[in-house]
Amino acid sequence: MTTEEFNKKYKYYLEEGHYGLDISYPSVIEYLDKVFQDLVKIPGFKYSQIKLKFNYSRFYTNLYQIAPSFGGKLDSMIEKEINFLVRVEDGINKRLKNKEEHGS
């Protein structure tokens, strides 16, 4: 799935005027697709941006407003998982590139 496909799939939950998911790592998209299957069950859930900013993920939703007791914690947990997945994919890509450049 691409970011465009993800945003199309969850367009009902995307806040008007926002671009939604803008992280193209396959593992991140797959993870978020699984997470969103549960998040969309929360009445009133909306997201606006999911992006990398200064090499850290930002997960902008209205969870804190609609579920003050745990919404912010969910946002933070999801950001941490995205950061982990990005680091893993970057590490794999770097090793593959090194391997190609050095022929080993």
Protein backbone atom coordinates (compact mmCIF):
# COMPACT_ATOMS: atom_id res chain seq x y z
CA MET A 1 0.00 0.00 0.00
CA THR A 2 1.22 3.51 -0.79
CA THR A 3 0.61 6.69 1.19
CA GLU A 4 -1.95 7.73 -1.43
CA GLU A 5 -3.81 4.43 -1.05
CA PHE A 6 -3.71 4.72 2.74
CA ASN A 7 -5.11 8.26 2.69
CA LYS A 8 -7.80 7.20 0.24
CA LYS A 9 -8.75 4.19 2.40
CA TYR A 10 -9.07 6.40 5.51
CA LYS A 11 -10.29 9.60 3.79
CA TYR A 12 -13.45 9.68 5.90
CA TYR A 13 -11.22 10.12 9.00
CA LEU A 14 -8.84 12.66 7.42
CA GLU A 15 -9.51 16.21 8.61
CA GLU A 16 -10.48 18.52 5.78
CA GLY A 17 -7.62 20.54 4.36
CA HIS A 18 -4.88 18.18 5.58
CA TYR A 19 -2.70 15.77 3.64
CA GLY A 20 -2.68 12.80 6.04
CA LEU A 21 0.07 10.18 5.87
CA ASP A 22 3.33 11.41 4.35
CA ILE A 23 5.75 8.65 5.40
CA SER A 24 6.41 6.22 2.57
CA TYR A 25 8.22 3.47 4.46
CA PRO A 26 6.36 0.19 3.74
CA SER A 27 6.66 -1.05 7.32
CA VAL A 28 5.19 2.21 8.66
CA ILE A 29 2.25 2.08 6.25
CA GLU A 30 1.57 -1.56 7.14
CA TYR A 31 1.75 -0.80 10.87
CA LEU A 32 -0.53 2.23 10.62
CA ASP A 33 -3.05 0.31 8.53
CA LYS A 34 -3.34 -2.23 11.36
CA VAL A 35 -3.53 0.48 14.03
CA PHE A 36 -6.15 2.47 12.11
CA GLN A 37 -8.43 -0.56 11.94
CA ASP A 38 -8.90 -0.05 15.69
CA LEU A 39 -8.62 3.75 15.84
CA VAL A 40 -11.49 4.25 13.42
CA LYS A 41 -13.75 2.43 15.90
CA ILE A 42 -13.33 5.33 18.33
CA PRO A 43 -16.31 7.65 17.80
CA GLY A 44 -15.20 10.97 16.32
CA PHE A 45 -11.62 9.91 15.51
CA LYS A 46 -9.84 12.10 12.94
CA TYR A 47 -6.24 12.45 11.81
CA SER A 48 -4.60 15.34 10.00
CA GLN A 49 -0.89 14.64 9.48
CA ILE A 50 1.48 11.74 9.93
CA LYS A 51 4.95 12.83 8.92
CA LEU A 52 8.64 12.93 9.74
CA LYS A 53 9.88 16.22 11.16
CA PHE A 54 13.59 16.55 11.90
CA ASN A 55 13.86 12.74 11.57
CA TYR A 56 11.17 12.11 14.19
CA SER A 57 7.62 11.08 13.53
CA ARG A 58 4.70 13.37 14.23
CA PHE A 59 1.26 11.78 14.56
CA TYR A 60 -1.39 14.49 14.60
CA THR A 61 -4.88 13.34 15.56
CA ASN A 62 -7.77 14.50 17.70
CA LEU A 63 -7.35 11.61 20.15
CA TYR A 64 -6.36 13.89 23.01
CA GLN A 65 -9.53 15.94 22.56
CA ILE A 66 -11.95 13.02 22.24
CA ALA A 67 -10.29 10.76 24.81
CA PRO A 68 -8.32 12.97 27.24
CA SER A 69 -7.49 10.15 29.64
CA PHE A 70 -5.56 8.09 27.10
CA GLY A 71 -5.51 9.89 23.71
CA GLY A 72 -2.19 11.63 24.22
CA LYS A 73 -0.60 8.40 25.41
CA LEU A 74 -1.81 6.60 22.28
CA ASP A 75 -0.40 9.32 20.04
CA SER A 76 2.95 9.07 21.81
CA MET A 77 3.06 5.26 21.65
CA ILE A 78 2.31 5.30 17.93
CA GLU A 79 4.99 7.93 17.30
CA LYS A 80 7.56 5.81 19.15
CA GLU A 81 6.68 2.73 17.08
CA ILE A 82 6.92 4.71 13.84
CA ASN A 83 10.34 6.05 14.92
CA PHE A 84 11.51 2.49 15.59
CA LEU A 85 10.28 1.23 12.21
CA VAL A 86 11.94 4.14 10.39
CA ARG A 87 15.28 3.46 12.13
CA VAL A 88 15.08 -0.25 11.26
CA GLU A 89 14.26 0.41 7.59
CA ASP A 90 16.96 3.08 7.33
CA GLY A 91 19.50 0.65 8.80
CA ILE A 92 18.53 -2.12 6.39
CA ASN A 93 18.63 0.22 3.40
CA LYS A 94 22.04 1.56 4.45
CA ARG A 95 23.48 -1.96 4.74
CA LEU A 96 22.05 -2.97 1.36
CA LYS A 97 23.49 0.14 -0.25
CA ASN A 98 26.88 -0.54 1.36
CA LYS A 99 26.77 -4.11 0.14
CA GLU A 100 26.00 -3.00 -3.42
CA GLU A 101 28.76 -0.38 -3.40
CA HIS A 102 31.40 -2.74 -2.02
CA GLY A 103 30.28 -5.90 -3.79
CA SER A 104 30.03 -8.02 -0.65
